Amino acid sequence: MVFSSTFSFAQEGTRNNEIPGKGTSGKVCIVPFEPKLYMSEIDQKINQQTKWEWETIRENFRHQLDNQLRSKLQNNLSVVSFYADSAKMAKDLAYTYKSTSLSYDPVSKPTDAKAPSKKTSGITNGQIIVEQNSDKKFMNTKLTNTEILNYLNKKYASEYFIFINELDIKNNMDSYDISSDTYQREVVVHYSILDKTGKTINAGIATSSFSSQENNPKKIVAQCFSPIATYIVAKFNAVANPNPIPSKN
């Protein structure tokens, strides 16, 4: 089967607990995924084209996903990014990682961030099927230290937190087209959106696909990361409905 579209979004399960129409003038904080939660099947191909080492490929995609989210969020509100000043904020990012854990939750019914996590099975090497189904799971953020959000709120005035939990880039060999000797690859981003009280207001996955012939990181970001960021920000706006911050002239 050959995919004709440049990208496609999968359905995702959410728990939207915010009151419609209720806005905020606070900031949103983006928490990038931990480096160990980068699962990719295409790095060898990228290396052959760019000569980048594995760590460079991983950090490029980690940083670019943060950039895409920040760019789209900044249209309406202030954004706190841990990439803004890596030396100054590295300790806070490490503290955030130490204060959270991750668990696989059903895509259709993500549990609250404060709920106790349960061990689950059926996930191998980060390969996650993305169709909406109660049997399918995604990586969800859990708070092990509930004071972390209060700390970040006081320090950065953050009202909402977008946690990028995992990034998967995998080959979809079921889409192989023998006539062109190509197949589709899929980018899967696992995310959780929390308010400052620790309530999960939206969580799930966003996906996008691209051709196996494409091994240019910049083009992969443009084709996949940009629409994925648009999708996540749309989910955030739907539940948080932030008040736009006037631009400075």
Protein backbone atom coordinates (compact mmCIF):
# COMPACT_ATOMS: atom_id res chain seq x y z
CA MET A 1 0.00 0.00 0.00
CA VAL A 2 1.33 3.44 -0.94
CA PHE A 3 0.51 6.53 1.09
CA SER A 4 -0.26 9.49 -1.12
CA SER A 5 -0.31 12.22 1.50
CA THR A 6 2.77 13.94 2.87
CA PHE A 7 1.57 13.52 6.43
CA SER A 8 -1.40 12.24 8.34
CA PHE A 9 -2.48 12.62 11.94
CA ALA A 10 -3.72 9.70 13.99
CA GLN A 11 -6.66 9.94 16.30
CA GLU A 12 -5.68 10.28 19.93
CA GLY A 13 -7.35 9.78 23.27
CA THR A 14 -7.64 12.74 25.57
CA ARG A 15 -9.04 13.78 28.89
CA ASN A 16 -10.17 17.39 28.56
CA ASN A 17 -11.02 18.69 32.02
CA GLU A 18 -10.76 22.44 31.55
CA ILE A 19 -13.86 24.62 31.41
CA PRO A 20 -14.48 25.76 27.81
CA GLY A 21 -13.81 29.45 27.35
CA LYS A 22 -11.68 29.77 30.48
CA GLY A 23 -8.48 31.55 29.54
CA THR A 24 -5.09 32.21 31.07
CA SER A 25 -2.51 34.94 30.70
CA GLY A 26 0.29 32.77 32.10
CA LYS A 27 3.12 31.10 30.28
CA VAL A 28 3.36 27.59 28.90
CA CYS A 29 6.49 25.56 29.62
CA ILE A 30 7.80 23.00 27.13
CA VAL A 31 9.58 20.01 28.64
CA PRO A 32 11.63 18.11 26.01
CA PHE A 33 11.82 14.34 26.08
CA GLU A 34 14.69 12.67 27.89
CA PRO A 35 17.43 11.63 25.45
CA LYS A 36 16.96 7.95 26.35
CA LEU A 37 13.39 8.16 25.03
CA TYR A 38 14.41 8.67 21.43
CA MET A 39 13.58 5.53 19.44
CA SER A 40 14.70 5.69 15.81
CA GLU A 41 15.12 3.17 13.00
CA ILE A 42 16.49 5.66 10.46
CA ASP A 43 19.65 7.07 12.04
CA GLN A 44 21.96 4.90 9.96
CA LYS A 45 20.44 6.30 6.76
CA ILE A 46 20.72 9.86 8.07
CA ASN A 47 24.33 9.22 9.03
CA GLN A 48 25.12 8.03 5.52
CA GLN A 49 23.87 11.32 4.11
CA THR A 50 24.98 13.80 6.78
CA LYS A 51 27.89 11.99 8.50
CA TRP A 52 26.30 13.03 11.80
CA GLU A 53 26.90 10.85 14.83
CA TRP A 54 23.92 9.24 16.56
CA GLU A 55 23.96 11.72 19.45
CA THR A 56 23.95 14.64 17.03
CA ILE A 57 20.97 13.25 15.12
CA ARG A 58 19.05 12.66 18.34
CA GLU A 59 19.78 16.09 19.78
CA ASN A 60 18.91 17.79 16.49
CA PHE A 61 15.46 16.21 16.42
CA ARG A 62 14.97 16.86 20.14
CA HIS A 63 15.85 20.52 19.74
CA GLN A 64 13.90 21.02 16.51
CA LEU A 65 10.71 19.56 17.98
CA ASP A 66 11.04 22.04 20.84
CA ASN A 67 11.62 24.85 18.32
CA GLN A 68 8.53 23.94 16.31
CA LEU A 69 6.32 23.90 19.40
CA ARG A 70 7.76 27.16 20.69
CA SER A 71 7.33 28.87 17.32
CA LYS A 72 3.65 27.97 17.09
CA LEU A 73 2.86 28.71 20.72
CA GLN A 74 4.51 32.13 20.61
CA ASN A 75 1.84 33.34 18.21
CA ASN A 76 -0.52 33.65 21.19
CA LEU A 77 1.37 33.57 24.48
CA SER A 78 4.69 33.54 26.26
CA VAL A 79 6.69 30.32 26.21
CA VAL A 80 9.31 28.94 28.58
CA SER A 81 11.79 26.66 26.84
CA PHE A 82 14.59 24.79 28.55
CA TYR A 83 16.63 25.39 25.41
CA ALA A 84 16.53 29.15 25.94
CA ASP A 85 19.57 29.07 28.25
CA SER A 86 20.90 25.54 28.59
CA ALA A 87 23.51 26.38 31.22
CA LYS A 88 21.08 28.25 33.46
CA MET A 89 18.12 25.91 33.10
CA ALA A 90 19.85 22.53 32.93
CA LYS A 91 19.42 21.97 36.67
CA ASP A 92 15.71 22.75 36.51
CA LEU A 93 15.26 20.34 33.61
CA ALA A 94 17.13 17.63 35.53
CA TYR A 95 14.95 18.35 38.57
CA THR A 96 11.86 18.02 36.39
CA TYR A 97 12.98 14.64 35.07
CA LYS A 98 13.69 13.44 38.61
CA SER A 99 10.23 14.59 39.71
CA THR A 100 8.34 12.68 37.01
CA SER A 101 8.01 9.15 35.73
CA LEU A 102 6.45 7.66 32.62
CA SER A 103 3.93 4.89 32.11
CA TYR A 104 2.07 3.35 29.19
CA ASP A 105 -1.58 4.37 29.28
CA PRO A 106 -4.41 3.48 26.91
CA VAL A 107 -4.57 6.01 24.10
CA SER A 108 -8.31 6.48 24.52
CA LYS A 109 -8.21 6.97 28.30
CA PRO A 110 -5.04 8.59 29.61
CA THR A 111 -4.92 8.61 33.40
CA ASP A 112 -4.34 11.69 35.48
CA ALA A 113 -0.75 12.69 36.09
CA LYS A 114 -1.19 12.35 39.84
CA ALA A 115 -2.59 8.82 39.62
CA PRO A 116 -0.31 5.93 40.60
CA SER A 117 1.37 4.42 37.57
CA LYS A 118 0.92 0.75 36.71
CA LYS A 119 3.34 -1.45 34.83
CA THR A 120 2.04 -2.62 31.49
CA SER A 121 3.28 -4.94 28.78
CA GLY A 122 3.03 -5.24 25.03
CA ILE A 123 5.37 -2.41 24.03
CA THR A 124 8.69 -3.35 22.45
CA ASN A 125 11.54 -0.99 21.58
CA GLY A 126 9.27 2.02 21.54
CA GLN A 127 7.11 0.68 18.72
CA ILE A 128 3.63 2.02 19.31
CA ILE A 129 0.63 1.50 17.04
CA VAL A 130 -1.28 4.76 16.85
CA GLU A 131 -4.85 3.94 15.87
CA GLN A 132 -7.36 4.87 18.57
CA ASN A 133 -8.10 1.67 20.43
CA SER A 134 -8.42 0.84 24.11
CA ASP A 135 -5.71 -1.80 23.66
CA LYS A 136 -3.18 0.68 22.28
CA LYS A 137 -0.95 2.64 24.60
CA PHE A 138 1.26 5.71 24.69
CA MET A 139 3.92 7.11 26.99
CA ASN A 140 2.31 9.38 29.58
CA THR A 141 3.82 11.64 32.25
CA LYS A 142 3.27 10.91 35.94
CA LEU A 143 4.25 13.24 38.77
CA THR A 144 6.30 11.59 41.49
CA ASN A 145 7.00 14.95 43.13
CA THR A 146 3.93 17.20 42.96
CA GLU A 147 5.96 20.21 44.10
CA ILE A 148 7.79 20.41 40.79
CA LEU A 149 5.00 22.26 39.00
CA ASN A 150 4.60 24.69 41.89
CA TYR A 151 8.34 25.34 41.73
CA LEU A 152 8.28 25.97 37.97
CA ASN A 153 5.16 28.11 38.29
CA LYS A 154 6.78 30.37 40.88
CA LYS A 155 10.08 30.61 39.03
CA TYR A 156 8.84 31.00 35.45
CA ALA A 157 5.16 31.98 35.90
CA SER A 158 4.18 28.85 33.97
CA GLU A 159 0.48 28.00 34.04
CA TYR A 160 0.62 25.04 31.67
CA PHE A 161 3.21 22.40 30.86
CA ILE A 162 3.62 20.49 27.62
CA PHE A 163 5.66 17.37 28.29
CA ILE A 164 7.13 15.69 25.23
CA ASN A 165 7.50 12.17 26.57
CA GLU A 166 8.96 10.18 23.70
CA LEU A 167 9.89 10.48 20.03
CA ASP A 168 9.69 7.43 17.76
CA ILE A 169 10.78 7.36 14.12
CA LYS A 170 10.12 3.99 12.55
CA ASN A 171 9.83 2.26 9.21
CA ASN A 172 6.44 1.12 7.98
CA MET A 173 7.36 -1.81 5.77
CA ASP A 174 3.68 -2.64 5.24
CA SER A 175 3.59 0.37 2.92
CA TYR A 176 6.42 -0.90 0.70
CA ASP A 177 5.92 -0.12 -3.00
CA ILE A 178 7.92 -2.52 -5.15
CA SER A 179 7.65 -0.35 -8.28
CA SER A 180 9.45 2.59 -6.64
CA ASP A 181 11.35 0.61 -4.01
CA THR A 182 10.08 2.98 -1.31
CA TYR A 183 8.04 2.79 1.85
CA GLN A 184 6.68 5.20 4.41
CA ARG A 185 8.29 6.14 7.70
CA GLU A 186 6.31 7.31 10.68
CA VAL A 187 7.12 9.93 13.29
CA VAL A 188 5.26 9.40 16.57
CA VAL A 189 5.32 11.99 19.36
CA HIS A 190 3.96 11.06 22.79
CA TYR A 191 2.89 14.07 24.84
CA SER A 192 1.04 15.17 27.98
CA ILE A 193 -0.38 18.61 28.78
CA LEU A 194 -0.76 19.49 32.46
CA ASP A 195 -1.98 22.58 34.25
CA LYS A 196 -0.14 24.04 37.23
CA THR A 197 -2.14 21.92 39.68
CA GLY A 198 -0.91 18.73 38.02
CA LYS A 199 -4.18 17.92 36.28
CA THR A 200 -3.78 16.21 32.90
CA ILE A 201 -5.91 18.27 30.54
CA ASN A 202 -4.86 16.55 27.33
CA ALA A 203 -2.55 13.67 26.46
CA GLY A 204 -1.92 11.26 23.63
CA ILE A 205 0.06 10.92 20.45
CA ALA A 206 0.53 12.85 17.22
CA THR A 207 1.88 11.19 14.10
CA SER A 208 3.16 12.15 10.68
CA SER A 209 4.66 10.17 7.80
CA PHE A 210 7.30 10.72 5.13
CA SER A 211 9.04 8.80 2.37
CA SER A 212 11.96 6.44 2.95
CA GLN A 213 13.78 8.36 0.23
CA GLU A 214 14.04 11.39 2.51
CA ASN A 215 17.08 11.41 4.81
CA ASN A 216 17.65 15.14 5.13
CA PRO A 217 16.97 16.12 8.78
CA LYS A 218 15.91 19.65 7.85
CA LYS A 219 13.31 18.37 5.39
CA ILE A 220 12.07 15.73 7.84
CA VAL A 221 11.52 18.47 10.42
CA ALA A 222 9.64 20.62 7.90
CA GLN A 223 7.48 17.76 6.61
CA CYS A 224 6.68 16.07 9.93
CA PHE A 225 7.67 18.02 13.03
CA SER A 226 5.94 21.21 11.92
CA PRO A 227 2.48 19.63 11.41
CA ILE A 228 2.88 17.55 14.58
CA ALA A 229 3.61 20.72 16.55
CA THR A 230 0.59 22.40 14.97
CA TYR A 231 -1.57 19.47 16.05
CA ILE A 232 -0.34 19.47 19.67
CA VAL A 233 -0.71 23.24 19.96
CA ALA A 234 -4.26 22.98 18.58
CA LYS A 235 -5.05 20.43 21.30
CA PHE A 236 -3.56 22.76 23.89
CA ASN A 237 -5.55 25.74 22.63
CA ALA A 238 -8.76 23.73 22.62
CA VAL A 239 -8.56 22.99 26.34
CA ALA A 240 -6.55 25.90 27.72
CA ASN A 241 -7.92 28.66 25.49
CA PRO A 242 -5.17 31.09 26.51
CA ASN A 243 -5.72 34.81 26.26
CA PRO A 244 -3.48 36.25 23.56
CA ILE A 245 -0.64 38.39 24.85
CA PRO A 246 -0.41 41.66 22.92
CA SER A 247 2.70 41.86 20.78
CA LYS A 248 5.24 44.55 21.62
CA ASN A 249 5.59 47.19 18.95
